[in-house]
Amino acid sequence: MRLLFFQILLFSALGLHAQFGVQTSAIFNDASPDFITGVGELPADEFETGGEVALNYWFRLPKQRIEFLPTVRYATSKFGLAGISLREFGADMKVNIYPFDFLGDCDCPTFGKQGPQLQKGFFLQASGGYSFYNSAFTNALDEREVSNGNAVVFGGAIGLDIGLSNLLTLTPIVGARFATSAYRDTVFTDPDGLNETPSSSKLTTLHAGLLVSFRFDHKNY
């Protein structure tokens, strides 16, 4: 899976000369009870707001407005009460569907499409991918504990493309990502020094951000 992650990263980097995007988001994490069992069963909603940055490449079907965005991302957040820091490295395939302009066959930037902004810019997004997690906290013995995990993730979002020019598009986007069993193979040490292995820990991430997209394929303008 790590090889796949870096292959997607390389694929995205190679496409930077054509059409790519950078997204920054605020994230809000909600962990299942098993996710934090190893650190004293503290309330799962104590996760503070974190941040995420993502890089994507863009391509679409020729006759329908279904667009594909292979994406790599990095996120960080903090569990304030327990002093846990959580980092996430991930890769996704995101698919945007434009329900109000589904048969729009102009392979041009949003700025160059005909019609009202909502009609040509509103989309629904589905995504699937894989994440690697790294968490760290200080236990009752004042020792730093580090744990790693990984999980399949899936999610959905809605967004609106706002074309500022043929080169530049801004896209506010909000959505959610769901991870399953991120720490099923990880051993935590609880405050009493006992080892516990969460069996079905899950992490839900809500995100709200802004995607900035660049298109340099002038032949389609």
Protein backbone atom coordinates (compact mmCIF):
# COMPACT_ATOMS: atom_id res chain seq x y z
CA MET A 1 0.00 0.00 0.00
CA ARG A 2 2.87 2.37 0.70
CA LEU A 3 4.16 1.72 -2.84
CA LEU A 4 0.72 2.59 -4.23
CA PHE A 5 0.69 5.81 -2.21
CA PHE A 6 3.99 6.99 -3.66
CA GLN A 7 3.01 5.92 -7.18
CA ILE A 8 -0.05 8.14 -7.00
CA LEU A 9 2.09 10.96 -5.63
CA LEU A 10 4.50 10.59 -8.56
CA PHE A 11 1.62 10.44 -11.02
CA SER A 12 0.24 13.69 -9.63
CA ALA A 13 3.62 15.41 -9.78
CA LEU A 14 4.12 14.43 -13.43
CA GLY A 15 0.83 16.06 -14.36
CA LEU A 16 1.56 19.46 -12.86
CA HIS A 17 2.28 20.96 -16.27
CA ALA A 18 -1.33 20.45 -17.38
CA GLN A 19 -4.12 20.71 -14.83
CA PHE A 20 -3.81 20.39 -11.07
CA GLY A 21 -5.19 21.73 -7.82
CA VAL A 22 -4.18 22.52 -4.27
CA GLN A 23 -6.71 22.30 -1.45
CA THR A 24 -6.49 23.47 2.15
CA SER A 25 -9.14 22.47 4.68
CA ALA A 26 -10.13 22.75 8.29
CA ILE A 27 -10.92 19.29 9.68
CA PHE A 28 -12.99 18.10 12.63
CA ASN A 29 -12.34 14.55 13.86
CA ASP A 30 -14.74 12.29 15.72
CA ALA A 31 -13.28 8.98 16.95
CA SER A 32 -15.16 5.85 17.98
CA PRO A 33 -14.69 4.74 21.62
CA ASP A 34 -12.28 1.97 20.57
CA PHE A 35 -10.03 4.54 18.92
CA ILE A 36 -9.17 6.04 22.32
CA THR A 37 -9.57 3.01 24.59
CA GLY A 38 -5.83 2.80 25.03
CA VAL A 39 -5.58 6.28 26.51
CA GLY A 40 -8.15 6.13 29.26
CA GLU A 41 -11.52 6.21 27.45
CA LEU A 42 -11.64 9.97 27.21
CA PRO A 43 -14.54 11.64 25.33
CA ALA A 44 -14.14 11.18 21.59
CA ASP A 45 -15.40 14.66 20.79
CA GLU A 46 -12.42 16.33 22.44
CA PHE A 47 -10.50 16.41 19.16
CA GLU A 48 -9.58 19.97 18.32
CA THR A 49 -9.86 21.40 14.84
CA GLY A 50 -6.98 20.31 12.64
CA GLY A 51 -5.70 21.19 9.20
CA GLU A 52 -5.25 19.37 5.91
CA VAL A 53 -3.51 20.10 2.63
CA ALA A 54 -4.04 18.10 -0.56
CA LEU A 55 -2.69 18.00 -4.11
CA ASN A 56 -4.68 16.63 -7.05
CA TYR A 57 -4.48 16.00 -10.76
CA TRP A 58 -7.57 16.41 -12.97
CA PHE A 59 -9.12 14.62 -15.96
CA ARG A 60 -12.68 13.97 -17.16
CA LEU A 61 -14.88 11.90 -19.46
CA PRO A 62 -15.17 13.40 -22.96
CA LYS A 63 -18.99 13.55 -23.25
CA GLN A 64 -20.30 13.70 -19.69
CA ARG A 65 -19.33 15.96 -16.83
CA ILE A 66 -17.81 13.29 -14.66
CA GLU A 67 -14.39 14.39 -13.48
CA PHE A 68 -11.64 12.42 -11.75
CA LEU A 69 -9.15 13.79 -9.26
CA PRO A 70 -6.37 11.45 -8.05
CA THR A 71 -5.36 13.10 -4.77
CA VAL A 72 -2.66 12.88 -2.12
CA ARG A 73 -3.12 14.59 1.26
CA TYR A 74 -1.61 15.26 4.65
CA ALA A 75 -3.60 16.14 7.78
CA THR A 76 -2.74 16.87 11.38
CA SER A 77 -4.91 17.33 14.46
CA LYS A 78 -4.63 17.22 18.23
CA PHE A 79 -6.60 15.53 20.99
CA GLY A 80 -6.40 18.38 23.48
CA LEU A 81 -7.38 16.72 26.77
CA ALA A 82 -5.19 13.66 26.29
CA GLY A 83 -2.29 15.41 24.58
CA ILE A 84 -2.55 13.13 21.55
CA SER A 85 -1.22 14.36 18.21
CA LEU A 86 -2.57 12.61 15.12
CA ARG A 87 -1.08 12.73 11.62
CA GLU A 88 -2.67 11.24 8.52
CA PHE A 89 -1.12 10.57 5.12
CA GLY A 90 -3.58 9.50 2.45
CA ALA A 91 -4.31 8.91 -1.22
CA ASP A 92 -7.78 9.02 -2.80
CA MET A 93 -9.56 8.82 -6.09
CA LYS A 94 -12.23 11.52 -6.07
CA VAL A 95 -15.06 11.60 -8.62
CA ASN A 96 -17.07 14.78 -9.26
CA ILE A 97 -20.49 14.59 -10.91
CA TYR A 98 -22.20 17.79 -12.14
CA PRO A 99 -25.95 16.98 -12.00
CA PHE A 100 -27.12 20.31 -13.49
CA ASP A 101 -24.68 20.17 -16.42
CA PHE A 102 -24.18 16.42 -16.81
CA LEU A 103 -24.19 16.41 -20.62
CA GLY A 104 -22.00 19.48 -20.95
CA ASP A 105 -19.44 18.37 -23.54
CA CYS A 106 -17.15 21.40 -23.44
CA ASP A 107 -13.76 20.15 -22.23
CA CYS A 108 -12.89 23.67 -21.09
CA PRO A 109 -12.38 25.31 -17.70
CA THR A 110 -15.47 26.35 -15.71
CA PHE A 111 -14.84 29.98 -16.68
CA GLY A 112 -15.33 29.12 -20.35
CA LYS A 113 -18.57 27.14 -19.98
CA GLN A 114 -21.94 28.66 -20.85
CA GLY A 115 -24.75 28.95 -18.32
CA PRO A 116 -25.36 30.19 -14.77
CA GLN A 117 -22.60 29.66 -12.20
CA LEU A 118 -24.67 27.20 -10.12
CA GLN A 119 -25.61 25.12 -13.16
CA LYS A 120 -22.10 24.79 -14.52
CA GLY A 121 -20.22 24.73 -11.21
CA PHE A 122 -22.18 22.70 -8.63
CA PHE A 123 -21.03 19.09 -8.13
CA LEU A 124 -21.41 16.04 -5.94
CA GLN A 125 -18.24 14.19 -5.00
CA ALA A 126 -17.61 10.57 -4.02
CA SER A 127 -14.18 9.35 -2.94
CA GLY A 128 -12.34 6.22 -1.91
CA GLY A 129 -8.78 5.65 -0.84
CA TYR A 130 -6.31 4.63 1.81
CA SER A 131 -4.80 6.38 4.84
CA PHE A 132 -1.77 5.86 7.07
CA TYR A 133 -2.02 7.17 10.63
CA ASN A 134 0.60 8.12 13.17
CA SER A 135 -0.41 9.07 16.72
CA ALA A 136 1.69 10.05 19.70
CA PHE A 137 0.93 10.84 23.33
CA THR A 138 2.58 10.89 26.73
CA ASN A 139 1.45 8.11 29.08
CA ALA A 140 1.08 8.11 32.87
CA LEU A 141 4.79 7.29 33.26
CA ASP A 142 5.67 10.43 31.30
CA GLU A 143 6.84 8.27 28.38
CA ARG A 144 6.04 9.11 24.80
CA GLU A 145 3.97 6.43 23.07
CA VAL A 146 3.86 6.27 19.27
CA SER A 147 1.41 4.12 17.32
CA ASN A 148 0.82 3.56 13.62
CA GLY A 149 -2.27 2.38 11.80
CA ASN A 150 -3.82 2.26 8.34
CA ALA A 151 -7.31 1.99 6.94
CA VAL A 152 -9.48 2.06 3.84
CA VAL A 153 -11.36 5.36 3.70
CA PHE A 154 -14.40 6.56 1.78
CA GLY A 155 -16.35 9.78 1.74
CA GLY A 156 -18.53 12.33 0.03
CA ALA A 157 -18.69 16.08 -0.47
CA ILE A 158 -20.42 18.91 -2.29
CA GLY A 159 -18.73 21.86 -3.92
CA LEU A 160 -19.12 24.77 -6.30
CA ASP A 161 -16.56 25.71 -8.97
CA ILE A 162 -16.16 29.46 -9.35
CA GLY A 163 -14.20 30.20 -12.50
CA LEU A 164 -12.14 33.37 -12.16
CA SER A 165 -10.42 32.87 -15.52
CA ASN A 166 -9.55 30.06 -17.90
CA LEU A 167 -6.42 29.53 -15.82
CA LEU A 168 -7.83 29.72 -12.30
CA THR A 169 -10.86 28.19 -10.55
CA LEU A 170 -11.78 28.51 -6.87
CA THR A 171 -13.89 25.75 -5.31
CA PRO A 172 -15.35 25.91 -1.81
CA ILE A 173 -16.05 22.33 -0.72
CA VAL A 174 -17.45 20.62 2.38
CA GLY A 175 -17.71 16.91 3.11
CA ALA A 176 -16.92 13.94 5.31
CA ARG A 177 -14.43 11.07 5.26
CA PHE A 178 -14.89 7.76 7.07
CA ALA A 179 -12.09 5.38 8.09
CA THR A 180 -12.60 1.82 9.34
CA SER A 181 -10.42 -0.02 11.84
CA ALA A 182 -7.47 2.33 11.64
CA TYR A 183 -5.79 0.81 14.70
CA ARG A 184 -6.90 -2.81 14.60
CA ASP A 185 -3.27 -4.01 14.61
CA THR A 186 -1.88 -1.46 17.04
CA VAL A 187 -1.15 -1.91 20.74
CA PHE A 188 -1.70 1.06 23.04
CA THR A 189 -0.51 1.37 26.64
CA ASP A 190 -3.17 2.67 29.01
CA PRO A 191 -2.47 4.93 32.05
CA ASP A 192 -2.06 1.83 34.26
CA GLY A 193 0.71 0.46 32.06
CA LEU A 194 -1.46 -2.28 30.53
CA ASN A 195 -1.48 -3.06 26.83
CA GLU A 196 -4.76 -2.86 24.97
CA THR A 197 -5.46 -3.47 21.30
CA PRO A 198 -8.53 -1.69 19.89
CA SER A 199 -10.44 -4.12 17.68
CA SER A 200 -12.66 -1.88 15.58
CA SER A 201 -11.52 1.71 15.96
CA LYS A 202 -13.03 4.15 13.48
CA LEU A 203 -12.41 7.78 12.66
CA THR A 204 -14.83 10.21 11.03
CA THR A 205 -13.41 13.44 9.62
CA LEU A 206 -15.54 16.41 8.61
CA HIS A 207 -13.77 18.90 6.38
CA ALA A 208 -14.44 22.34 4.92
CA GLY A 209 -11.96 23.97 2.62
CA LEU A 210 -11.02 25.77 -0.55
CA LEU A 211 -9.60 24.14 -3.69
CA VAL A 212 -7.56 26.27 -6.08
CA SER A 213 -7.34 24.67 -9.55
CA PHE A 214 -4.99 25.61 -12.38
CA ARG A 215 -5.40 24.60 -16.04
CA PHE A 216 -2.61 25.15 -18.53
CA ASP A 217 -4.12 23.16 -21.42
CA HIS A 218 -4.65 26.22 -23.62
CA LYS A 219 -5.93 24.15 -26.58
CA ASN A 220 -9.19 23.61 -24.66
CA TYR A 221 -9.81 27.29 -23.84
